[in-house]
């Protein structure tokens, strides 16, 4: 079995990166010792901010098809989403936007485990729920 894992952040000190490292270590040592686990670093997939103008001018940057192909060759995907102000990180959103121009079905039918860790009061629930608005706050 081939598992693709990544933290959806470009921060080297992210708790989501630590979570991916912990989960993949447990997978390797206890749960799936024979699995091939590939961990991606979003810093290796930096691209210009997506815009239709950039796409028309230069096409899709090479890192996007590479990331998309890595999902395609995996048997399962493990991702831990960092949360910035209740949303996914700009780094992940940009990669997602470029890959969506290849195929909207980004996960390509692969089994997907989605994790999130956040020191905030919602503990990553916003990104896992796919919310697009801020949660209502109690008056202070």
Protein backbone atom coordinates (compact mmCIF):
# COMPACT_ATOMS: atom_id res chain seq x y z
CA UNK A 1 0.00 0.00 0.00
CA UNK A 2 1.26 3.48 -0.88
CA UNK A 3 0.17 6.35 1.35
CA UNK A 4 0.70 10.00 0.48
CA UNK A 5 0.82 12.30 3.52
CA UNK A 6 1.25 16.02 3.97
CA UNK A 7 0.51 18.93 6.26
CA UNK A 8 -1.48 21.55 4.34
CA UNK A 9 0.80 24.34 5.49
CA UNK A 10 4.14 25.84 4.55
CA UNK A 11 5.20 26.37 8.17
CA UNK A 12 8.08 24.19 9.32
CA UNK A 13 6.95 24.58 12.94
CA UNK A 14 3.27 23.79 12.37
CA UNK A 15 1.55 21.48 14.81
CA UNK A 16 -0.09 19.93 11.74
CA UNK A 17 3.33 18.98 10.39
CA UNK A 18 4.11 17.44 13.80
CA UNK A 19 0.78 15.61 13.66
CA UNK A 20 1.59 14.16 10.21
CA UNK A 21 5.02 13.08 11.47
CA UNK A 22 3.44 11.40 14.50
CA UNK A 23 0.68 9.65 12.56
CA UNK A 24 3.00 8.38 9.83
CA UNK A 25 5.46 7.11 12.45
CA UNK A 26 2.62 5.18 14.11
CA UNK A 27 1.47 3.84 10.75
CA UNK A 28 5.00 2.64 9.98
CA UNK A 29 5.66 1.08 13.37
CA UNK A 30 2.30 -0.34 14.44
CA UNK A 31 -0.54 -0.26 11.93
CA UNK A 32 0.87 -0.64 8.41
CA UNK A 33 4.56 -1.55 8.72
CA UNK A 34 4.76 -2.66 5.07
CA UNK A 35 3.20 0.51 3.66
CA UNK A 36 5.25 2.88 1.53
CA UNK A 37 4.63 6.33 2.98
CA UNK A 38 5.60 9.45 1.08
CA UNK A 39 5.48 12.74 2.98
CA UNK A 40 5.27 15.89 0.88
CA UNK A 41 6.38 19.37 1.95
CA UNK A 42 4.25 22.17 0.52
CA UNK A 43 7.37 24.35 0.37
CA UNK A 44 8.48 22.19 -2.57
CA UNK A 45 5.32 23.18 -4.48
CA UNK A 46 5.46 26.96 -4.43
CA UNK A 47 3.81 28.57 -7.44
CA UNK A 48 2.56 32.02 -8.40
CA UNK A 49 -0.78 32.94 -6.87
CA UNK A 50 -3.42 31.39 -9.10
CA UNK A 51 -5.21 33.61 -11.58
CA UNK A 52 -6.94 32.84 -14.83
CA UNK A 53 -4.68 35.42 -16.52
CA UNK A 54 -1.55 33.58 -15.37
CA UNK A 55 -3.02 30.30 -16.52
CA UNK A 56 -3.81 31.69 -19.98
CA UNK A 57 -0.38 33.32 -20.26
CA UNK A 58 1.80 30.44 -19.10
CA UNK A 59 -0.30 27.37 -18.48
CA UNK A 60 -0.28 25.37 -15.28
CA UNK A 61 3.05 25.48 -13.38
CA UNK A 62 4.91 22.15 -13.25
CA UNK A 63 4.54 21.67 -9.47
CA UNK A 64 0.73 21.39 -9.79
CA UNK A 65 0.67 18.35 -12.12
CA UNK A 66 3.45 16.79 -10.05
CA UNK A 67 1.42 17.08 -6.83
CA UNK A 68 -1.73 15.90 -8.63
CA UNK A 69 0.12 12.87 -10.04
CA UNK A 70 1.43 11.96 -6.60
CA UNK A 71 -2.16 11.82 -5.35
CA UNK A 72 -3.03 9.71 -8.38
CA UNK A 73 -0.35 7.12 -7.72
CA UNK A 74 -1.17 6.78 -4.02
CA UNK A 75 -3.56 4.19 -2.64
CA UNK A 76 -4.67 6.57 0.13
CA UNK A 77 -4.07 10.15 1.22
CA UNK A 78 -3.47 11.51 4.71
CA UNK A 79 -3.62 15.28 5.17
CA UNK A 80 -3.55 17.53 8.22
CA UNK A 81 -5.00 20.98 7.65
CA UNK A 82 -3.65 24.01 9.43
CA UNK A 83 -6.24 26.68 10.11
CA UNK A 84 -5.60 30.37 9.47
CA UNK A 85 -8.45 32.59 10.62
CA UNK A 86 -10.92 29.74 10.22
CA UNK A 87 -9.79 28.74 6.72
CA UNK A 88 -7.16 26.56 5.08
CA UNK A 89 -3.74 28.13 4.61
CA UNK A 90 -3.00 30.31 1.60
CA UNK A 91 -0.20 27.89 0.66
CA UNK A 92 -2.60 24.94 0.43
CA UNK A 93 -5.38 26.98 -1.21
CA UNK A 94 -3.01 28.04 -3.98
CA UNK A 95 -1.87 24.48 -4.68
CA UNK A 96 -5.50 23.35 -4.59
CA UNK A 97 -6.51 26.10 -7.03
CA UNK A 98 -3.80 25.18 -9.54
CA UNK A 99 -4.54 21.44 -9.28
CA UNK A 100 -8.27 22.05 -9.70
CA UNK A 101 -7.46 23.37 -13.19
CA UNK A 102 -6.19 19.89 -14.05
CA UNK A 103 -9.19 18.08 -12.59
CA UNK A 104 -11.83 19.20 -10.10
CA UNK A 105 -11.81 15.77 -8.48
CA UNK A 106 -8.56 16.55 -6.74
CA UNK A 107 -8.54 13.46 -4.52
CA UNK A 108 -9.20 11.23 -7.55
CA UNK A 109 -11.44 8.84 -5.63
CA UNK A 110 -8.67 7.91 -3.18
CA UNK A 111 -9.50 7.06 0.42
CA UNK A 112 -8.76 10.22 2.38
CA UNK A 113 -8.04 10.81 6.06
CA UNK A 114 -8.39 14.47 7.00
CA UNK A 115 -6.92 15.73 10.25
CA UNK A 116 -6.54 19.18 11.74
CA UNK A 117 -4.90 20.62 14.80
CA UNK A 118 -5.25 24.16 16.01
CA UNK A 119 -4.65 25.92 19.30
CA UNK A 120 -7.80 27.97 18.65
CA UNK A 121 -11.13 27.39 20.31
CA UNK A 122 -12.48 25.41 17.36
CA UNK A 123 -9.42 23.11 17.17
CA UNK A 124 -9.46 22.85 13.37
CA UNK A 125 -13.19 22.10 13.11
CA UNK A 126 -13.72 24.94 10.63
CA UNK A 127 -11.34 23.57 8.01
CA UNK A 128 -12.59 20.02 8.43
CA UNK A 129 -16.20 21.16 8.03
CA UNK A 130 -15.31 23.17 4.92
CA UNK A 131 -16.84 26.31 6.35
CA UNK A 132 -16.57 29.44 4.27
CA UNK A 133 -17.71 31.93 6.88
CA UNK A 134 -16.39 32.83 10.28
CA UNK A 135 -18.18 31.20 13.18
CA UNK A 136 -20.38 33.51 15.22
CA UNK A 137 -18.60 34.90 18.21
CA UNK A 138 -20.13 35.66 21.57
CA UNK A 139 -20.01 39.35 22.49
CA UNK A 140 -17.26 40.19 24.93
